[in-house]
């Protein structure tokens, strides 16, 4: 993308910060939290069913396996959630500062 020369540093910093925050949300925070919750729910359900890791090695790895198996299904929804979250919060805040960015 091309910027007006007088605004290039400001525009690059804002857009770089936008990309950094989006990547942290979409690739680290949201998936980490979601997978953690899925694993915790699986452990709770197994425990409620009277099963725990001392019963069998398979039961011990099952929560982790289920958490990992959910990754392909959560990527797109969490990317979209990060996008919408950025659109309704931070991008509204710095939109006025980006008006002078495009040629």
C-alpha atoms as a PDB file:
ATOM      1  CA  UNK A   1       0.000   0.000   0.000  1.00  0.00           C
ATOM      2  CA  UNK A   2       1.231   3.493  -0.778  1.00  0.00           C
ATOM      3  CA  UNK A   3       1.085   6.357   1.700  1.00  0.00           C
ATOM      4  CA  UNK A   4       1.400  10.084   1.480  1.00  0.00           C
ATOM      5  CA  UNK A   5       5.045  10.789   2.238  1.00  0.00           C
ATOM      6  CA  UNK A   6       4.205  13.078   5.160  1.00  0.00           C
ATOM      7  CA  UNK A   7       2.137  10.384   6.879  1.00  0.00           C
ATOM      8  CA  UNK A   8       4.096   7.242   6.022  1.00  0.00           C
ATOM      9  CA  UNK A   9       5.608   6.585   9.476  1.00  0.00           C
ATOM     10  CA  UNK A  10       2.319   7.156  11.294  1.00  0.00           C
ATOM     11  CA  UNK A  11       0.402   4.978   8.841  1.00  0.00           C
ATOM     12  CA  UNK A  12       2.952   2.179   8.921  1.00  0.00           C
ATOM     13  CA  UNK A  13       2.999   2.161  12.737  1.00  0.00           C
ATOM     14  CA  UNK A  14      -0.779   2.072  13.036  1.00  0.00           C
ATOM     15  CA  UNK A  15      -1.183  -0.626  10.408  1.00  0.00           C
ATOM     16  CA  UNK A  16       1.671  -2.630  11.931  1.00  0.00           C
ATOM     17  CA  UNK A  17       0.062  -2.393  15.372  1.00  0.00           C
ATOM     18  CA  UNK A  18      -3.266  -3.431  13.864  1.00  0.00           C
ATOM     19  CA  UNK A  19      -1.656  -6.510  12.283  1.00  0.00           C
ATOM     20  CA  UNK A  20       0.188  -7.394  15.500  1.00  0.00           C
ATOM     21  CA  UNK A  21      -2.934  -7.188  17.658  1.00  0.00           C
ATOM     22  CA  UNK A  22      -5.001  -9.136  15.132  1.00  0.00           C
ATOM     23  CA  UNK A  23      -2.357 -11.876  14.916  1.00  0.00           C
ATOM     24  CA  UNK A  24      -2.097 -12.127  18.712  1.00  0.00           C
ATOM     25  CA  UNK A  25      -5.872 -12.390  19.032  1.00  0.00           C
ATOM     26  CA  UNK A  26      -6.529 -14.718  16.085  1.00  0.00           C
ATOM     27  CA  UNK A  27      -3.466 -16.946  16.407  1.00  0.00           C
ATOM     28  CA  UNK A  28      -2.651 -16.987  20.125  1.00  0.00           C
ATOM     29  CA  UNK A  29      -5.217 -15.678  22.585  1.00  0.00           C
ATOM     30  CA  UNK A  30      -8.526 -16.857  21.116  1.00  0.00           C
ATOM     31  CA  UNK A  31      -7.365 -20.336  20.023  1.00  0.00           C
ATOM     32  CA  UNK A  32      -5.428 -20.859  23.257  1.00  0.00           C
ATOM     33  CA  UNK A  33      -8.419 -19.968  25.388  1.00  0.00           C
ATOM     34  CA  UNK A  34     -10.835 -21.988  23.254  1.00  0.00           C
ATOM     35  CA  UNK A  35      -8.701 -25.136  23.245  1.00  0.00           C
ATOM     36  CA  UNK A  36      -8.074 -24.780  26.984  1.00  0.00           C
ATOM     37  CA  UNK A  37     -11.823 -24.623  27.615  1.00  0.00           C
ATOM     38  CA  UNK A  38     -12.496 -27.635  25.365  1.00  0.00           C
ATOM     39  CA  UNK A  39      -9.866 -29.661  27.221  1.00  0.00           C
ATOM     40  CA  UNK A  40     -11.267 -28.547  30.598  1.00  0.00           C
ATOM     41  CA  UNK A  41     -14.818 -29.466  29.570  1.00  0.00           C
ATOM     42  CA  UNK A  42     -13.603 -32.860  28.332  1.00  0.00           C
ATOM     43  CA  UNK A  43     -11.839 -33.536  31.645  1.00  0.00           C
ATOM     44  CA  UNK A  44     -14.988 -32.545  33.534  1.00  0.00           C
ATOM     45  CA  UNK A  45     -17.203 -34.782  31.405  1.00  0.00           C
ATOM     46  CA  UNK A  46     -14.840 -37.743  31.737  1.00  0.00           C
ATOM     47  CA  UNK A  47     -14.688 -37.205  35.477  1.00  0.00           C
ATOM     48  CA  UNK A  48     -18.491 -37.006  35.687  1.00  0.00           C
ATOM     49  CA  UNK A  49     -18.627 -40.306  33.788  1.00  0.00           C
ATOM     50  CA  UNK A  50     -16.358 -41.826  36.427  1.00  0.00           C
ATOM     51  CA  UNK A  51     -13.331 -41.991  34.166  1.00  0.00           C
ATOM     52  CA  UNK A  52      -9.925 -40.516  34.915  1.00  0.00           C
ATOM     53  CA  UNK A  53      -6.384 -40.817  33.647  1.00  0.00           C
ATOM     54  CA  UNK A  54      -5.543 -43.581  36.128  1.00  0.00           C
ATOM     55  CA  UNK A  55      -8.137 -45.823  34.445  1.00  0.00           C
ATOM     56  CA  UNK A  56      -6.286 -46.049  31.145  1.00  0.00           C
ATOM     57  CA  UNK A  57      -3.601 -44.335  29.105  1.00  0.00           C
ATOM     58  CA  UNK A  58      -6.189 -43.543  26.414  1.00  0.00           C
ATOM     59  CA  UNK A  59      -8.369 -41.685  28.911  1.00  0.00           C
ATOM     60  CA  UNK A  60      -5.286 -39.748  29.990  1.00  0.00           C
ATOM     61  CA  UNK A  61      -4.563 -38.423  26.499  1.00  0.00           C
ATOM     62  CA  UNK A  62      -8.178 -38.103  25.344  1.00  0.00           C
ATOM     63  CA  UNK A  63      -8.707 -34.474  26.513  1.00  0.00           C
ATOM     64  CA  UNK A  64      -5.547 -33.341  24.714  1.00  0.00           C
ATOM     65  CA  UNK A  65      -6.448 -35.307  21.588  1.00  0.00           C
ATOM     66  CA  UNK A  66      -9.926 -33.765  21.520  1.00  0.00           C
ATOM     67  CA  UNK A  67      -8.445 -30.297  22.012  1.00  0.00           C
ATOM     68  CA  UNK A  68      -6.045 -30.804  19.118  1.00  0.00           C
ATOM     69  CA  UNK A  69      -8.778 -32.302  16.938  1.00  0.00           C
ATOM     70  CA  UNK A  70     -10.864 -29.144  17.290  1.00  0.00           C
ATOM     71  CA  UNK A  71      -8.206 -26.906  15.731  1.00  0.00           C
ATOM     72  CA  UNK A  72      -9.370 -27.271  12.104  1.00  0.00           C
ATOM     73  CA  UNK A  73     -12.913 -26.370  13.151  1.00  0.00           C
ATOM     74  CA  UNK A  74     -12.109 -23.279  15.220  1.00  0.00           C
ATOM     75  CA  UNK A  75      -9.647 -21.464  12.944  1.00  0.00           C
ATOM     76  CA  UNK A  76     -12.074 -19.698  10.600  1.00  0.00           C
ATOM     77  CA  UNK A  77     -14.655 -18.715  13.271  1.00  0.00           C
ATOM     78  CA  UNK A  78     -11.942 -17.319  15.544  1.00  0.00           C
ATOM     79  CA  UNK A  79     -10.290 -15.414  12.682  1.00  0.00           C
ATOM     80  CA  UNK A  80     -13.666 -13.856  11.912  1.00  0.00           C
ATOM     81  CA  UNK A  81     -14.238 -13.082  15.594  1.00  0.00           C
ATOM     82  CA  UNK A  82     -10.855 -11.328  15.751  1.00  0.00           C
ATOM     83  CA  UNK A  83     -11.703  -9.362  12.600  1.00  0.00           C
ATOM     84  CA  UNK A  84     -15.096  -8.229  13.899  1.00  0.00           C
ATOM     85  CA  UNK A  85     -13.651  -7.483  17.322  1.00  0.00           C
ATOM     86  CA  UNK A  86     -10.985  -5.264  15.779  1.00  0.00           C
ATOM     87  CA  UNK A  87     -13.546  -3.576  13.492  1.00  0.00           C
ATOM     88  CA  UNK A  88     -15.855  -2.578  16.356  1.00  0.00           C
ATOM     89  CA  UNK A  89     -13.115  -1.488  18.763  1.00  0.00           C
ATOM     90  CA  UNK A  90      -9.573  -0.478  17.900  1.00  0.00           C
ATOM     91  CA  UNK A  91     -10.095   0.155  14.202  1.00  0.00           C
ATOM     92  CA  UNK A  92     -12.815   2.666  15.044  1.00  0.00           C
ATOM     93  CA  UNK A  93     -10.395   4.425  17.371  1.00  0.00           C
ATOM     94  CA  UNK A  94      -7.584   4.830  14.896  1.00  0.00           C
ATOM     95  CA  UNK A  95      -9.640   5.235  11.704  1.00  0.00           C
ATOM     96  CA  UNK A  96      -9.387   9.055  11.837  1.00  0.00           C
ATOM     97  CA  UNK A  97      -5.591   8.821  11.943  1.00  0.00           C
ATOM     98  CA  UNK A  98      -5.545   6.646   8.810  1.00  0.00           C
ATOM     99  CA  UNK A  99      -7.582   9.027   6.663  1.00  0.00           C
ATOM    100  CA  UNK A 100      -4.417  10.789   5.538  1.00  0.00           C
ATOM    101  CA  UNK A 101      -2.639   7.552   4.699  1.00  0.00           C
ATOM    102  CA  UNK A 102      -3.816   6.554   1.251  1.00  0.00           C
ATOM    103  CA  UNK A 103      -2.728   8.398  -1.840  1.00  0.00           C
END
